[in-house]
């Protein structure tokens, strides 16, 4: 994961990092593994509640990249190949692959495997979508 972004939740076999400012509430995590991802519980992420490979699989469904993982024993998350860019009906850009994203208030370029970018320019978290503009309205 390089430099940690967001809050880490450490388990024995996997560490899950959650960057709340990027979360678009797609709920892929809670639908996929409610025993691991439960917003009604504190802490809301319990990485050891399921096998590490299952946790990693569900995290890879997160379209915004708000959830990331690092296995204690195993490879880092590999990017999808080829890299894909899709525009949603509301204008957001959903990217998957080997990404390098320049973030104005970050130090340089972020290496990513998944991201949802603002398509209307109104996001306060540029270049990521934060639901503040028309492209983030569902």
N, C-alpha and C. Protein backbone atom coordinates (compact mmCIF):
# COMPACT_ATOMS: atom_id res chain seq x y z
N UNK A 1 0.81 -1.18 0.00
CA UNK A 1 0.00 0.00 0.00
C UNK A 1 0.86 1.26 0.00
N UNK A 2 2.13 1.13 0.17
CA UNK A 2 3.00 2.30 0.17
C UNK A 2 2.72 3.15 1.40
N UNK A 3 2.64 4.47 1.23
CA UNK A 3 2.29 5.30 2.36
C UNK A 3 0.82 5.08 2.65
N UNK A 4 0.51 4.92 3.95
CA UNK A 4 -0.87 4.63 4.31
C UNK A 4 -1.75 5.84 4.11
N UNK A 5 -2.86 5.61 3.48
CA UNK A 5 -3.89 6.62 3.30
C UNK A 5 -5.13 6.09 3.97
N UNK A 6 -5.71 6.86 4.83
CA UNK A 6 -6.90 6.40 5.52
C UNK A 6 -6.55 5.63 6.78
N UNK A 7 -7.57 5.04 7.35
CA UNK A 7 -7.43 4.33 8.61
C UNK A 7 -7.18 2.84 8.37
N UNK A 8 -6.11 2.30 8.95
CA UNK A 8 -5.84 0.87 8.79
C UNK A 8 -6.59 0.03 9.83
N UNK A 9 -7.10 -1.10 9.39
CA UNK A 9 -7.73 -2.10 10.26
C UNK A 9 -6.89 -3.36 10.09
N UNK A 10 -6.10 -3.70 11.08
CA UNK A 10 -5.15 -4.79 10.97
C UNK A 10 -5.73 -6.11 11.45
N UNK A 11 -5.60 -7.12 10.59
CA UNK A 11 -5.96 -8.48 10.96
C UNK A 11 -4.70 -9.33 10.92
N UNK A 12 -4.81 -10.59 11.24
CA UNK A 12 -3.64 -11.47 11.23
C UNK A 12 -3.13 -11.72 9.82
N UNK A 13 -4.03 -11.86 8.85
CA UNK A 13 -3.64 -12.21 7.48
C UNK A 13 -3.79 -11.08 6.48
N UNK A 14 -4.53 -10.05 6.86
CA UNK A 14 -4.80 -8.95 5.93
C UNK A 14 -4.99 -7.66 6.71
N UNK A 15 -4.50 -6.57 6.14
CA UNK A 15 -4.77 -5.23 6.67
C UNK A 15 -5.64 -4.52 5.65
N UNK A 16 -6.76 -3.99 6.12
CA UNK A 16 -7.69 -3.25 5.28
C UNK A 16 -7.54 -1.78 5.63
N UNK A 17 -7.40 -0.94 4.63
CA UNK A 17 -7.32 0.50 4.85
C UNK A 17 -8.54 1.16 4.22
N UNK A 18 -9.16 2.06 4.99
CA UNK A 18 -10.36 2.76 4.54
C UNK A 18 -10.10 4.25 4.51
N UNK A 19 -10.27 4.86 3.32
CA UNK A 19 -10.13 6.30 3.15
C UNK A 19 -11.53 6.87 2.96
N UNK A 20 -12.13 7.30 4.06
CA UNK A 20 -13.52 7.73 4.09
C UNK A 20 -13.88 8.84 3.13
N UNK A 21 -12.96 9.74 2.85
CA UNK A 21 -13.27 10.85 1.94
C UNK A 21 -13.48 10.39 0.51
N UNK A 22 -13.07 9.16 0.19
CA UNK A 22 -13.26 8.62 -1.16
C UNK A 22 -14.46 7.71 -1.28
N UNK A 23 -15.06 7.35 -0.16
CA UNK A 23 -16.17 6.40 -0.17
C UNK A 23 -17.40 7.01 -0.83
N UNK A 24 -17.98 6.29 -1.79
CA UNK A 24 -19.19 6.72 -2.49
C UNK A 24 -20.41 5.89 -2.08
N UNK A 25 -20.25 5.07 -1.06
CA UNK A 25 -21.34 4.28 -0.48
C UNK A 25 -22.00 3.35 -1.49
N UNK A 26 -21.18 2.73 -2.33
CA UNK A 26 -21.69 1.73 -3.26
C UNK A 26 -22.13 0.47 -2.51
N UNK A 27 -21.63 0.29 -1.29
CA UNK A 27 -22.00 -0.80 -0.38
C UNK A 27 -21.59 -2.19 -0.87
N UNK A 28 -20.67 -2.26 -1.81
CA UNK A 28 -20.17 -3.55 -2.27
C UNK A 28 -19.57 -4.34 -1.10
N UNK A 29 -18.92 -3.65 -0.18
CA UNK A 29 -18.29 -4.30 0.96
C UNK A 29 -19.34 -4.92 1.89
N UNK A 30 -20.32 -4.13 2.30
CA UNK A 30 -21.34 -4.61 3.24
C UNK A 30 -22.20 -5.71 2.63
N UNK A 31 -22.50 -5.60 1.33
CA UNK A 31 -23.27 -6.67 0.67
C UNK A 31 -22.43 -7.93 0.51
N UNK A 32 -21.15 -7.74 0.22
CA UNK A 32 -20.28 -8.88 -0.05
C UNK A 32 -19.87 -9.67 1.17
N UNK A 33 -19.54 -8.98 2.27
CA UNK A 33 -19.11 -9.64 3.50
C UNK A 33 -19.62 -8.86 4.72
N UNK A 34 -20.90 -8.96 5.04
CA UNK A 34 -21.43 -8.20 6.16
C UNK A 34 -20.79 -8.57 7.50
N UNK A 35 -20.22 -9.75 7.60
CA UNK A 35 -19.55 -10.13 8.84
C UNK A 35 -18.23 -9.38 9.03
N UNK A 36 -17.66 -8.87 7.96
CA UNK A 36 -16.42 -8.10 8.01
C UNK A 36 -16.72 -6.60 8.01
N UNK A 37 -17.66 -6.17 7.16
CA UNK A 37 -17.97 -4.75 6.97
C UNK A 37 -19.37 -4.46 7.50
N UNK A 38 -19.46 -3.89 8.69
CA UNK A 38 -20.75 -3.63 9.34
C UNK A 38 -20.73 -2.21 9.90
N UNK A 39 -21.40 -1.29 9.21
CA UNK A 39 -21.38 0.13 9.62
C UNK A 39 -22.09 0.38 10.95
N UNK A 40 -22.83 -0.59 11.44
CA UNK A 40 -23.50 -0.44 12.73
C UNK A 40 -22.65 -0.90 13.90
N UNK A 41 -21.45 -1.32 13.63
CA UNK A 41 -20.55 -1.86 14.67
C UNK A 41 -19.30 -0.98 14.74
N UNK A 42 -18.65 -0.94 15.88
CA UNK A 42 -17.36 -0.26 16.03
C UNK A 42 -16.37 -1.25 16.62
N UNK A 43 -15.23 -1.45 15.98
CA UNK A 43 -14.88 -0.90 14.67
C UNK A 43 -15.75 -1.54 13.59
N UNK A 44 -15.97 -0.80 12.53
CA UNK A 44 -16.89 -1.29 11.50
C UNK A 44 -16.25 -2.31 10.56
N UNK A 45 -14.92 -2.39 10.57
CA UNK A 45 -14.21 -3.39 9.76
C UNK A 45 -13.47 -4.34 10.70
N UNK A 46 -13.77 -5.65 10.57
CA UNK A 46 -13.07 -6.68 11.34
C UNK A 46 -12.47 -7.66 10.34
N UNK A 47 -11.22 -7.41 9.92
CA UNK A 47 -10.60 -8.20 8.85
C UNK A 47 -10.52 -9.70 9.10
N UNK A 48 -10.44 -10.11 10.36
CA UNK A 48 -10.31 -11.54 10.66
C UNK A 48 -11.64 -12.29 10.69
N UNK A 49 -12.74 -11.62 10.39
CA UNK A 49 -14.05 -12.26 10.41
C UNK A 49 -14.32 -13.13 9.18
N UNK A 50 -13.40 -13.13 8.22
CA UNK A 50 -13.52 -13.97 7.02
C UNK A 50 -12.11 -14.26 6.52
N UNK A 51 -11.99 -15.23 5.64
CA UNK A 51 -10.69 -15.57 5.06
C UNK A 51 -10.14 -14.38 4.28
N UNK A 52 -8.83 -14.17 4.39
CA UNK A 52 -8.17 -13.02 3.76
C UNK A 52 -8.43 -12.95 2.26
N UNK A 53 -8.45 -14.09 1.57
CA UNK A 53 -8.67 -14.05 0.13
C UNK A 53 -10.09 -13.57 -0.21
N UNK A 54 -11.06 -13.91 0.64
CA UNK A 54 -12.44 -13.45 0.42
C UNK A 54 -12.54 -11.95 0.69
N UNK A 55 -11.87 -11.47 1.75
CA UNK A 55 -11.87 -10.05 2.08
C UNK A 55 -11.26 -9.26 0.91
N UNK A 56 -10.14 -9.75 0.39
CA UNK A 56 -9.48 -9.09 -0.74
C UNK A 56 -10.39 -9.07 -1.97
N UNK A 57 -11.08 -10.16 -2.22
CA UNK A 57 -11.98 -10.24 -3.38
C UNK A 57 -13.09 -9.20 -3.29
N UNK A 58 -13.67 -9.04 -2.10
CA UNK A 58 -14.75 -8.08 -1.92
C UNK A 58 -14.21 -6.65 -2.01
N UNK A 59 -13.04 -6.39 -1.46
CA UNK A 59 -12.44 -5.06 -1.54
C UNK A 59 -12.20 -4.66 -3.00
N UNK A 60 -11.82 -5.60 -3.82
CA UNK A 60 -11.58 -5.29 -5.24
C UNK A 60 -12.85 -4.85 -5.96
N UNK A 61 -14.02 -5.09 -5.37
CA UNK A 61 -15.29 -4.64 -5.95
C UNK A 61 -15.55 -3.16 -5.67
N UNK A 62 -14.84 -2.58 -4.71
CA UNK A 62 -15.05 -1.18 -4.32
C UNK A 62 -14.67 -0.27 -5.48
N UNK A 63 -15.65 0.40 -6.12
CA UNK A 63 -15.35 1.18 -7.31
C UNK A 63 -14.54 2.45 -7.04
N UNK A 64 -14.65 2.99 -5.84
CA UNK A 64 -13.99 4.27 -5.55
C UNK A 64 -12.53 4.11 -5.14
N UNK A 65 -12.15 2.91 -4.71
CA UNK A 65 -10.81 2.71 -4.19
C UNK A 65 -10.68 3.15 -2.74
N UNK A 66 -11.80 3.48 -2.09
CA UNK A 66 -11.77 3.89 -0.68
C UNK A 66 -11.23 2.76 0.19
N UNK A 67 -11.52 1.53 -0.20
CA UNK A 67 -10.99 0.36 0.50
C UNK A 67 -9.79 -0.19 -0.26
N UNK A 68 -8.74 -0.45 0.47
CA UNK A 68 -7.53 -1.07 -0.06
C UNK A 68 -7.14 -2.20 0.88
N UNK A 69 -6.27 -3.08 0.43
CA UNK A 69 -5.81 -4.16 1.31
C UNK A 69 -4.35 -4.46 1.07
N UNK A 70 -3.77 -5.08 2.08
CA UNK A 70 -2.42 -5.60 1.99
C UNK A 70 -2.40 -6.94 2.72
N UNK A 71 -2.03 -7.99 2.01
CA UNK A 71 -1.95 -9.31 2.60
C UNK A 71 -0.66 -9.44 3.41
N UNK A 72 -0.75 -10.13 4.55
CA UNK A 72 0.46 -10.37 5.36
C UNK A 72 1.40 -11.30 4.60
N UNK A 73 0.87 -12.28 3.93
CA UNK A 73 1.64 -13.24 3.13
C UNK A 73 1.02 -13.30 1.75
N UNK A 74 1.59 -12.61 0.82
CA UNK A 74 1.04 -12.67 -0.53
C UNK A 74 1.32 -11.41 -1.30
N UNK A 75 0.91 -11.42 -2.56
CA UNK A 75 1.19 -10.29 -3.43
C UNK A 75 0.29 -9.10 -3.11
N UNK A 76 0.72 -7.90 -3.52
CA UNK A 76 -0.17 -6.74 -3.41
C UNK A 76 -1.30 -6.86 -4.42
N UNK A 77 -2.28 -6.00 -4.31
CA UNK A 77 -3.38 -6.01 -5.27
C UNK A 77 -2.83 -5.70 -6.66
N UNK A 78 -3.10 -6.58 -7.59
CA UNK A 78 -2.65 -6.38 -8.96
C UNK A 78 -3.71 -5.60 -9.74
N UNK A 79 -3.28 -4.68 -10.59
CA UNK A 79 -4.25 -3.90 -11.36
C UNK A 79 -4.90 -4.75 -12.44
N UNK A 80 -6.14 -4.39 -12.78
CA UNK A 80 -6.82 -5.02 -13.91
C UNK A 80 -6.06 -4.65 -15.19
N UNK A 81 -5.96 -5.58 -16.09
CA UNK A 81 -5.36 -5.32 -17.39
C UNK A 81 -6.30 -5.82 -18.46
N UNK A 82 -6.57 -5.06 -19.47
CA UNK A 82 -6.07 -3.71 -19.68
C UNK A 82 -6.78 -2.73 -18.76
N UNK A 83 -6.21 -1.55 -18.61
CA UNK A 83 -6.83 -0.48 -17.85
C UNK A 83 -8.12 -0.07 -18.55
N UNK A 84 -9.17 0.16 -17.76
CA UNK A 84 -10.45 0.57 -18.34
C UNK A 84 -10.91 1.89 -17.75
N UNK A 85 -11.62 2.67 -18.55
CA UNK A 85 -12.25 3.91 -18.11
C UNK A 85 -13.68 3.86 -18.61
N UNK A 86 -14.63 4.01 -17.68
CA UNK A 86 -16.05 4.02 -18.05
C UNK A 86 -16.70 5.26 -17.49
N UNK A 87 -17.53 5.91 -18.29
CA UNK A 87 -18.30 7.06 -17.82
C UNK A 87 -19.67 6.54 -17.41
N UNK A 88 -20.08 6.86 -16.17
CA UNK A 88 -21.40 6.46 -15.72
C UNK A 88 -22.45 7.38 -16.33
N UNK A 89 -23.71 7.02 -16.21
CA UNK A 89 -24.79 7.84 -16.78
C UNK A 89 -24.80 9.24 -16.18
N UNK A 90 -24.35 9.39 -14.93
CA UNK A 90 -24.33 10.72 -14.29
C UNK A 90 -23.02 11.47 -14.52
N UNK A 91 -22.07 10.86 -15.24
CA UNK A 91 -20.86 11.58 -15.63
C UNK A 91 -19.59 11.23 -14.89
N UNK A 92 -19.68 10.45 -13.83
CA UNK A 92 -18.46 10.05 -13.12
C UNK A 92 -17.61 9.15 -14.00
N UNK A 93 -16.31 9.16 -13.76
CA UNK A 93 -15.38 8.31 -14.49
C UNK A 93 -14.89 7.21 -13.55
N UNK A 94 -15.17 5.97 -13.92
CA UNK A 94 -14.76 4.82 -13.11
C UNK A 94 -13.56 4.18 -13.80
N UNK A 95 -12.43 4.17 -13.10
CA UNK A 95 -11.18 3.66 -13.65
C UNK A 95 -10.74 2.42 -12.90
N UNK A 96 -10.22 1.45 -13.66
CA UNK A 96 -9.64 0.23 -13.09
C UNK A 96 -8.40 -0.10 -13.89
N UNK A 97 -7.31 -0.40 -13.18
CA UNK A 97 -6.09 -0.77 -13.88
C UNK A 97 -4.86 -0.22 -13.20
N UNK A 98 -3.82 -0.05 -13.98
CA UNK A 98 -2.54 0.46 -13.49
C UNK A 98 -2.58 1.98 -13.61
N UNK A 99 -3.00 2.66 -12.54
CA UNK A 99 -3.31 4.09 -12.58
C UNK A 99 -2.26 4.92 -11.85
N UNK A 100 -2.00 6.09 -12.36
CA UNK A 100 -1.19 7.11 -11.69
C UNK A 100 -2.05 8.37 -11.69
N UNK A 101 -2.46 8.82 -10.52
CA UNK A 101 -3.39 9.93 -10.41
C UNK A 101 -2.73 11.07 -9.64
N UNK A 102 -2.68 12.23 -10.27
CA UNK A 102 -2.14 13.43 -9.62
C UNK A 102 -3.24 14.05 -8.77
N UNK A 103 -2.94 14.22 -7.48
CA UNK A 103 -3.89 14.79 -6.53
C UNK A 103 -3.32 16.12 -6.05
N UNK A 104 -4.06 17.22 -6.24
CA UNK A 104 -3.52 18.54 -5.91
C UNK A 104 -3.00 18.69 -4.49
N UNK A 105 -3.71 18.19 -3.48
CA UNK A 105 -3.27 18.38 -2.10
C UNK A 105 -2.49 17.19 -1.55
N UNK A 106 -1.99 16.34 -2.41
CA UNK A 106 -1.19 15.19 -2.02
C UNK A 106 0.24 15.45 -2.49
N UNK A 107 1.16 14.64 -2.07
CA UNK A 107 2.53 14.80 -2.52
C UNK A 107 2.74 14.03 -3.82
N UNK A 108 2.53 14.69 -4.96
CA UNK A 108 2.82 14.07 -6.24
C UNK A 108 1.71 13.22 -6.79
N UNK A 109 2.09 12.03 -7.25
CA UNK A 109 1.20 11.14 -7.97
C UNK A 109 0.90 9.92 -7.11
N UNK A 110 -0.36 9.53 -7.07
CA UNK A 110 -0.78 8.34 -6.33
C UNK A 110 -0.89 7.16 -7.29
N UNK A 111 -0.36 6.02 -6.87
CA UNK A 111 -0.51 4.78 -7.62
C UNK A 111 -1.79 4.11 -7.13
N UNK A 112 -2.66 3.78 -8.05
CA UNK A 112 -3.98 3.23 -7.72
C UNK A 112 -4.29 2.03 -8.60
N UNK A 113 -5.25 1.22 -8.17
CA UNK A 113 -5.79 0.16 -9.01
C UNK A 113 -7.27 0.40 -9.32
N UNK A 114 -7.92 1.26 -8.51
CA UNK A 114 -9.34 1.56 -8.70
C UNK A 114 -9.59 2.99 -8.26
N UNK A 115 -10.41 3.72 -9.00
CA UNK A 115 -10.76 5.09 -8.61
C UNK A 115 -12.03 5.51 -9.34
N UNK A 116 -12.80 6.38 -8.68
CA UNK A 116 -13.93 7.03 -9.33
C UNK A 116 -13.66 8.52 -9.29
N UNK A 117 -13.53 9.12 -10.47
CA UNK A 117 -13.17 10.53 -10.59
C UNK A 117 -14.39 11.38 -10.91
N UNK A 118 -14.32 12.63 -10.46
CA UNK A 118 -15.37 13.60 -10.70
C UNK A 118 -15.41 13.94 -12.19
N UNK A 119 -16.59 13.96 -12.77
CA UNK A 119 -16.73 14.30 -14.18
C UNK A 119 -17.28 15.70 -14.42
N UNK A 120 -17.69 16.39 -13.33
CA UNK A 120 -18.30 17.71 -13.51
C UNK A 120 -17.44 18.85 -12.98
N UNK A 121 -16.39 18.53 -12.23
CA UNK A 121 -15.49 19.55 -11.71
C UNK A 121 -15.91 20.17 -10.39
N UNK A 122 -17.02 19.73 -9.79
CA UNK A 122 -17.52 20.35 -8.56
C UNK A 122 -17.02 19.69 -7.28
N UNK A 123 -16.35 18.57 -7.37
CA UNK A 123 -15.90 17.85 -6.19
C UNK A 123 -14.91 18.68 -5.38
N UNK A 124 -15.06 18.63 -4.08
CA UNK A 124 -14.11 19.28 -3.19
C UNK A 124 -12.92 18.39 -2.91
N UNK A 125 -12.92 17.20 -3.46
CA UNK A 125 -11.86 16.21 -3.24
C UNK A 125 -11.21 15.86 -4.58
N UNK A 126 -11.02 16.83 -5.45
CA UNK A 126 -10.47 16.61 -6.79
C UNK A 126 -9.18 15.80 -6.75
N UNK A 127 -9.04 14.88 -7.67
CA UNK A 127 -9.90 14.60 -8.82
C UNK A 127 -11.00 13.59 -8.51
N UNK A 128 -11.06 13.12 -7.25
CA UNK A 128 -12.03 12.08 -6.89
C UNK A 128 -13.44 12.65 -6.74
N UNK A 129 -14.44 11.86 -7.07
CA UNK A 129 -15.83 12.25 -6.89
C UNK A 129 -16.16 12.21 -5.40
N UNK A 130 -16.87 13.23 -4.91
CA UNK A 130 -17.30 13.23 -3.51
C UNK A 130 -18.81 13.47 -3.38
N UNK A 131 -19.55 13.30 -4.45
CA UNK A 131 -21.01 13.47 -4.49
C UNK A 131 -21.47 14.92 -4.36
N UNK A 132 -20.57 15.90 -4.44
CA UNK A 132 -21.01 17.29 -4.26
C UNK A 132 -21.51 17.94 -5.55
N UNK A 133 -21.18 17.39 -6.69
CA UNK A 133 -21.61 17.97 -7.97
C UNK A 133 -22.69 17.12 -8.63
N UNK A 134 -23.10 17.54 -9.80
CA UNK A 134 -24.16 16.84 -10.52
C UNK A 134 -23.75 15.42 -10.92
N UNK A 135 -22.45 15.19 -11.12
CA UNK A 135 -22.04 13.85 -11.53
C UNK A 135 -22.07 12.87 -10.36
N UNK A 136 -22.20 13.35 -9.14
CA UNK A 136 -22.24 12.47 -7.99
C UNK A 136 -23.64 12.22 -7.48
N UNK A 137 -24.62 12.81 -8.10
CA UNK A 137 -26.00 12.63 -7.66
C UNK A 137 -26.57 11.39 -8.31
N UNK A 138 -27.08 10.51 -7.50
CA UNK A 138 -27.65 9.25 -8.02
C UNK A 138 -29.11 9.40 -8.38
